[in-house]
Amino acid sequence: MEIKILGTGCSNCKTLEKLTINALAEMNLTANVEKVEDITKIMSYGIMRTPGLVINDKVVLSGRVPSIKELEEIIEKHK
């Protein structure tokens, strides 16, 4: 599973990255988690607000930080 956290380094982007890593650990899943900070690459995903979450090249969340429970549900749905 490939997961990308889209964001330029704001606190919400860092929080989403930490939550994602924690959710994967709680779910006992392995994934390649990449932080994408290049604005051109972020724009190529078509999101208007960060942070963004991309799982297997599909944007599944943007513009907010979900609860860990919601994040686990998103990961489970798109793994």
C-alpha atoms as a PDB file:
ATOM      1  CA  MET A   1       0.000   0.000   0.000  1.00  0.00           C
ATOM      2  CA  GLU A   2       1.289   3.438  -0.963  1.00  0.00           C
ATOM      3  CA  ILE A   3       0.231   6.390   1.186  1.00  0.00           C
ATOM      4  CA  LYS A   4       1.145  10.010   0.527  1.00  0.00           C
ATOM      5  CA  ILE A   5       0.624  12.913   2.891  1.00  0.00           C
ATOM      6  CA  LEU A   6       0.266  16.110   0.863  1.00  0.00           C
ATOM      7  CA  GLY A   7       1.255  19.329   2.590  1.00  0.00           C
ATOM      8  CA  THR A   8       3.862  22.044   2.719  1.00  0.00           C
ATOM      9  CA  GLY A   9       4.833  21.451   6.344  1.00  0.00           C
ATOM     10  CA  CYS A  10       2.015  23.071   8.326  1.00  0.00           C
ATOM     11  CA  SER A  11       1.052  21.690  11.733  1.00  0.00           C
ATOM     12  CA  ASN A  12      -2.055  19.948  10.315  1.00  0.00           C
ATOM     13  CA  CYS A  13       0.099  18.188   7.709  1.00  0.00           C
ATOM     14  CA  LYS A  14       2.513  16.971  10.378  1.00  0.00           C
ATOM     15  CA  THR A  15      -0.399  15.844  12.555  1.00  0.00           C
ATOM     16  CA  LEU A  16      -1.937  13.864   9.683  1.00  0.00           C
ATOM     17  CA  GLU A  17       1.405  12.174   9.030  1.00  0.00           C
ATOM     18  CA  LYS A  18       1.744  11.129  12.703  1.00  0.00           C
ATOM     19  CA  LEU A  19      -1.872   9.933  12.884  1.00  0.00           C
ATOM     20  CA  THR A  20      -1.441   7.912   9.694  1.00  0.00           C
ATOM     21  CA  ILE A  21       1.660   6.161  11.029  1.00  0.00           C
ATOM     22  CA  ASN A  22      -0.097   5.495  14.357  1.00  0.00           C
ATOM     23  CA  ALA A  23      -3.234   4.172  12.624  1.00  0.00           C
ATOM     24  CA  LEU A  24      -1.177   1.797  10.485  1.00  0.00           C
ATOM     25  CA  ALA A  25       0.597   0.491  13.589  1.00  0.00           C
ATOM     26  CA  GLU A  26      -2.694  -0.026  15.447  1.00  0.00           C
ATOM     27  CA  MET A  27      -4.125  -1.848  12.427  1.00  0.00           C
ATOM     28  CA  ASN A  28      -0.986  -3.977  12.068  1.00  0.00           C
ATOM     29  CA  LEU A  29      -0.566  -2.849   8.446  1.00  0.00           C
ATOM     30  CA  THR A  30       2.564  -2.076   6.512  1.00  0.00           C
ATOM     31  CA  ALA A  31       2.613   0.773   4.026  1.00  0.00           C
ATOM     32  CA  ASN A  32       5.069   3.009   2.281  1.00  0.00           C
ATOM     33  CA  VAL A  33       4.271   6.458   3.751  1.00  0.00           C
ATOM     34  CA  GLU A  34       5.684   9.417   1.838  1.00  0.00           C
ATOM     35  CA  LYS A  35       5.443  13.112   2.728  1.00  0.00           C
ATOM     36  CA  VAL A  36       4.966  15.261  -0.389  1.00  0.00           C
ATOM     37  CA  GLU A  37       5.891  18.912   0.209  1.00  0.00           C
ATOM     38  CA  ASP A  38       6.513  20.081  -3.363  1.00  0.00           C
ATOM     39  CA  ILE A  39       3.649  22.450  -4.217  1.00  0.00           C
ATOM     40  CA  THR A  40       3.684  21.466  -7.901  1.00  0.00           C
ATOM     41  CA  LYS A  41       3.275  17.793  -7.027  1.00  0.00           C
ATOM     42  CA  ILE A  42       0.538  18.627  -4.495  1.00  0.00           C
ATOM     43  CA  MET A  43      -1.341  20.643  -7.114  1.00  0.00           C
ATOM     44  CA  SER A  44      -1.121  17.724  -9.558  1.00  0.00           C
ATOM     45  CA  TYR A  45      -3.529  15.822  -7.276  1.00  0.00           C
ATOM     46  CA  GLY A  46      -6.170  18.526  -7.722  1.00  0.00           C
ATOM     47  CA  ILE A  47      -6.691  19.351  -4.055  1.00  0.00           C
ATOM     48  CA  MET A  48      -7.465  22.916  -3.039  1.00  0.00           C
ATOM     49  CA  ARG A  49      -6.609  22.639   0.661  1.00  0.00           C
ATOM     50  CA  THR A  50      -4.007  20.719   2.614  1.00  0.00           C
ATOM     51  CA  PRO A  51      -3.424  18.397   4.258  1.00  0.00           C
ATOM     52  CA  GLY A  52      -4.234  15.762   1.712  1.00  0.00           C
ATOM     53  CA  LEU A  53      -4.196  11.995   2.025  1.00  0.00           C
ATOM     54  CA  VAL A  54      -3.558   9.816  -1.015  1.00  0.00           C
ATOM     55  CA  ILE A  55      -3.848   6.022  -0.842  1.00  0.00           C
ATOM     56  CA  ASN A  56      -2.687   4.021  -3.858  1.00  0.00           C
ATOM     57  CA  ASP A  57      -2.749   7.179  -6.030  1.00  0.00           C
ATOM     58  CA  LYS A  58      -6.325   8.118  -5.096  1.00  0.00           C
ATOM     59  CA  VAL A  59      -7.082  11.258  -3.084  1.00  0.00           C
ATOM     60  CA  VAL A  60      -9.202  10.072  -0.161  1.00  0.00           C
ATOM     61  CA  LEU A  61      -9.145  13.168   2.091  1.00  0.00           C
ATOM     62  CA  SER A  62      -8.210  16.837   1.885  1.00  0.00           C
ATOM     63  CA  GLY A  63      -8.488  20.029   3.875  1.00  0.00           C
ATOM     64  CA  ARG A  64      -8.801  18.562   7.363  1.00  0.00           C
ATOM     65  CA  VAL A  65      -7.345  16.206   9.944  1.00  0.00           C
ATOM     66  CA  PRO A  66      -9.653  13.258  10.733  1.00  0.00           C
ATOM     67  CA  SER A  67      -9.934  11.454  14.049  1.00  0.00           C
ATOM     68  CA  ILE A  68      -7.789   8.347  14.306  1.00  0.00           C
ATOM     69  CA  LYS A  69     -10.951   6.187  14.163  1.00  0.00           C
ATOM     70  CA  GLU A  70     -12.060   7.854  10.922  1.00  0.00           C
ATOM     71  CA  LEU A  71      -8.554   7.553   9.526  1.00  0.00           C
ATOM     72  CA  GLU A  72      -8.508   3.824  10.268  1.00  0.00           C
ATOM     73  CA  GLU A  73     -11.855   3.456   8.464  1.00  0.00           C
ATOM     74  CA  ILE A  74     -10.487   5.354   5.438  1.00  0.00           C
ATOM     75  CA  ILE A  75      -7.356   3.193   5.334  1.00  0.00           C
ATOM     76  CA  GLU A  76      -9.395  -0.015   5.664  1.00  0.00           C
ATOM     77  CA  LYS A  77     -11.717   1.052   2.847  1.00  0.00           C
ATOM     78  CA  HIS A  78      -8.895   1.952   0.438  1.00  0.00           C
ATOM     79  CA  LYS A  79      -6.178  -0.591   1.227  1.00  0.00           C
END
